[in-house]
């Protein structure tokens, strides 16, 4: 087997707890001072996203009554047909007798 193919699964295998502890310690060392600010920003973003989702749903479905099994049907008159337009009269066109020469 190629050694490079064995290394790839080992790098991405983060299932054990010790790997997660090491990652958390490194993250705290790198982002310790800014961590509260990052979390505040993340919370604000989530709130803004949820607010946007709530207002978006209101625009999509404007005041429709809930649909249940008993739907009342209102009598709706069929649309009136358009007024009748008289067709142009056909004209008679004289046809020359094909047996007679021009």
C-alpha atoms as a PDB file:
ATOM      1  CA  UNK A   1       0.000   0.000   0.000  1.00  0.00           C
ATOM      2  CA  UNK A   2       1.060   3.543  -0.653  1.00  0.00           C
ATOM      3  CA  UNK A   3       2.062   5.350   2.601  1.00  0.00           C
ATOM      4  CA  UNK A   4       0.323   8.578   1.514  1.00  0.00           C
ATOM      5  CA  UNK A   5      -3.071   6.825   1.398  1.00  0.00           C
ATOM      6  CA  UNK A   6      -2.574   5.588   4.970  1.00  0.00           C
ATOM      7  CA  UNK A   7      -1.781   9.099   6.204  1.00  0.00           C
ATOM      8  CA  UNK A   8      -4.959  10.735   4.890  1.00  0.00           C
ATOM      9  CA  UNK A   9      -7.408   8.746   7.062  1.00  0.00           C
ATOM     10  CA  UNK A  10      -5.163   9.297  10.097  1.00  0.00           C
ATOM     11  CA  UNK A  11      -5.263  13.068   9.601  1.00  0.00           C
ATOM     12  CA  UNK A  12      -9.043  13.248   9.275  1.00  0.00           C
ATOM     13  CA  UNK A  13      -9.840  10.722  12.024  1.00  0.00           C
ATOM     14  CA  UNK A  14     -11.128  13.036  14.756  1.00  0.00           C
ATOM     15  CA  UNK A  15     -13.368  10.500  16.470  1.00  0.00           C
ATOM     16  CA  UNK A  16     -11.361  10.053  19.669  1.00  0.00           C
ATOM     17  CA  UNK A  17     -11.710  12.422  22.623  1.00  0.00           C
ATOM     18  CA  UNK A  18      -8.008  13.184  22.906  1.00  0.00           C
ATOM     19  CA  UNK A  19      -8.009  14.740  19.435  1.00  0.00           C
ATOM     20  CA  UNK A  20     -10.872  17.031  20.378  1.00  0.00           C
ATOM     21  CA  UNK A  21      -9.142  18.105  23.605  1.00  0.00           C
ATOM     22  CA  UNK A  22      -5.992  19.033  21.689  1.00  0.00           C
ATOM     23  CA  UNK A  23      -8.027  21.016  19.141  1.00  0.00           C
ATOM     24  CA  UNK A  24      -9.901  22.883  21.913  1.00  0.00           C
ATOM     25  CA  UNK A  25      -6.671  23.775  23.735  1.00  0.00           C
ATOM     26  CA  UNK A  26      -5.123  25.120  20.528  1.00  0.00           C
ATOM     27  CA  UNK A  27      -8.304  27.093  19.757  1.00  0.00           C
ATOM     28  CA  UNK A  28      -8.308  28.605  23.271  1.00  0.00           C
ATOM     29  CA  UNK A  29      -4.663  29.592  22.956  1.00  0.00           C
ATOM     30  CA  UNK A  30      -5.196  31.206  19.566  1.00  0.00           C
ATOM     31  CA  UNK A  31      -8.633  32.799  20.089  1.00  0.00           C
ATOM     32  CA  UNK A  32      -8.853  33.074  23.917  1.00  0.00           C
ATOM     33  CA  UNK A  33      -9.090  36.868  24.082  1.00  0.00           C
ATOM     34  CA  UNK A  34     -11.489  37.170  21.165  1.00  0.00           C
ATOM     35  CA  UNK A  35     -13.664  34.166  22.045  1.00  0.00           C
ATOM     36  CA  UNK A  36     -16.435  36.160  23.857  1.00  0.00           C
ATOM     37  CA  UNK A  37     -16.572  38.622  20.960  1.00  0.00           C
ATOM     38  CA  UNK A  38     -16.763  35.786  18.435  1.00  0.00           C
ATOM     39  CA  UNK A  39     -19.586  34.090  20.370  1.00  0.00           C
ATOM     40  CA  UNK A  40     -21.510  37.393  20.670  1.00  0.00           C
ATOM     41  CA  UNK A  41     -21.165  37.938  16.953  1.00  0.00           C
ATOM     42  CA  UNK A  42     -22.275  34.375  16.237  1.00  0.00           C
ATOM     43  CA  UNK A  43     -25.341  34.762  18.491  1.00  0.00           C
ATOM     44  CA  UNK A  44     -26.282  38.050  16.821  1.00  0.00           C
ATOM     45  CA  UNK A  45     -25.947  36.458  13.407  1.00  0.00           C
ATOM     46  CA  UNK A  46     -28.195  33.567  14.404  1.00  0.00           C
ATOM     47  CA  UNK A  47     -30.798  35.984  15.823  1.00  0.00           C
ATOM     48  CA  UNK A  48     -30.715  38.073  12.655  1.00  0.00           C
ATOM     49  CA  UNK A  49     -31.048  34.947  10.497  1.00  0.00           C
ATOM     50  CA  UNK A  50     -34.091  33.731  12.457  1.00  0.00           C
ATOM     51  CA  UNK A  51     -35.662  37.190  12.292  1.00  0.00           C
ATOM     52  CA  UNK A  52     -35.128  37.234   8.537  1.00  0.00           C
ATOM     53  CA  UNK A  53     -36.678  33.787   8.198  1.00  0.00           C
ATOM     54  CA  UNK A  54     -39.763  34.874  10.174  1.00  0.00           C
ATOM     55  CA  UNK A  55     -40.327  38.006   8.089  1.00  0.00           C
ATOM     56  CA  UNK A  56     -39.653  36.120   4.852  1.00  0.00           C
ATOM     57  CA  UNK A  57     -42.314  33.517   5.603  1.00  0.00           C
ATOM     58  CA  UNK A  58     -44.889  36.237   6.214  1.00  0.00           C
ATOM     59  CA  UNK A  59     -44.267  37.716   2.776  1.00  0.00           C
ATOM     60  CA  UNK A  60     -44.460  34.401   0.969  1.00  0.00           C
ATOM     61  CA  UNK A  61     -47.884  33.283   2.202  1.00  0.00           C
ATOM     62  CA  UNK A  62     -50.172  36.292   2.706  1.00  0.00           C
ATOM     63  CA  UNK A  63     -53.239  35.703   4.927  1.00  0.00           C
ATOM     64  CA  UNK A  64     -54.594  32.445   3.603  1.00  0.00           C
ATOM     65  CA  UNK A  65     -57.239  30.634   5.630  1.00  0.00           C
ATOM     66  CA  UNK A  66     -56.195  27.206   6.857  1.00  0.00           C
ATOM     67  CA  UNK A  67     -57.250  24.415   4.557  1.00  0.00           C
ATOM     68  CA  UNK A  68     -59.227  21.615   6.150  1.00  0.00           C
ATOM     69  CA  UNK A  69     -61.379  18.749   4.897  1.00  0.00           C
ATOM     70  CA  UNK A  70     -64.552  20.827   4.557  1.00  0.00           C
ATOM     71  CA  UNK A  71     -63.840  23.427   1.943  1.00  0.00           C
ATOM     72  CA  UNK A  72     -66.730  25.746   1.243  1.00  0.00           C
ATOM     73  CA  UNK A  73     -67.290  26.457  -2.414  1.00  0.00           C
ATOM     74  CA  UNK A  74     -68.611  29.820  -3.406  1.00  0.00           C
ATOM     75  CA  UNK A  75     -70.848  30.159  -6.432  1.00  0.00           C
ATOM     76  CA  UNK A  76     -68.772  31.772  -9.111  1.00  0.00           C
ATOM     77  CA  UNK A  77     -70.456  32.984 -12.271  1.00  0.00           C
ATOM     78  CA  UNK A  78     -68.794  31.733 -15.438  1.00  0.00           C
ATOM     79  CA  UNK A  79     -67.039  34.437 -17.408  1.00  0.00           C
ATOM     80  CA  UNK A  80     -69.166  36.115 -20.036  1.00  0.00           C
ATOM     81  CA  UNK A  81     -68.290  35.217 -23.607  1.00  0.00           C
ATOM     82  CA  UNK A  82     -66.840  38.024 -25.698  1.00  0.00           C
ATOM     83  CA  UNK A  83     -69.341  39.896 -27.873  1.00  0.00           C
ATOM     84  CA  UNK A  84     -69.991  38.309 -31.234  1.00  0.00           C
ATOM     85  CA  UNK A  85     -68.124  39.991 -34.054  1.00  0.00           C
ATOM     86  CA  UNK A  86     -69.770  39.707 -37.479  1.00  0.00           C
ATOM     87  CA  UNK A  87     -67.600  37.865 -39.954  1.00  0.00           C
ATOM     88  CA  UNK A  88     -66.783  39.614 -43.210  1.00  0.00           C
ATOM     89  CA  UNK A  89     -69.000  38.611 -46.120  1.00  0.00           C
ATOM     90  CA  UNK A  90     -67.422  36.338 -48.671  1.00  0.00           C
ATOM     91  CA  UNK A  91     -67.092  37.935 -52.094  1.00  0.00           C
ATOM     92  CA  UNK A  92     -67.599  36.081 -55.279  1.00  0.00           C
ATOM     93  CA  UNK A  93     -64.538  36.111 -57.465  1.00  0.00           C
ATOM     94  CA  UNK A  94     -65.194  35.471 -61.139  1.00  0.00           C
ATOM     95  CA  UNK A  95     -63.321  32.429 -62.356  1.00  0.00           C
ATOM     96  CA  UNK A  96     -62.503  32.054 -65.992  1.00  0.00           C
ATOM     97  CA  UNK A  97     -63.582  28.932 -67.688  1.00  0.00           C
ATOM     98  CA  UNK A  98     -60.484  26.724 -68.032  1.00  0.00           C
ATOM     99  CA  UNK A  99     -61.768  25.310 -71.323  1.00  0.00           C
ATOM    100  CA  UNK A 100     -61.730  28.735 -72.971  1.00  0.00           C
ATOM    101  CA  UNK A 101     -58.353  30.181 -74.005  1.00  0.00           C
ATOM    102  CA  UNK A 102     -57.340  33.595 -72.744  1.00  0.00           C
END
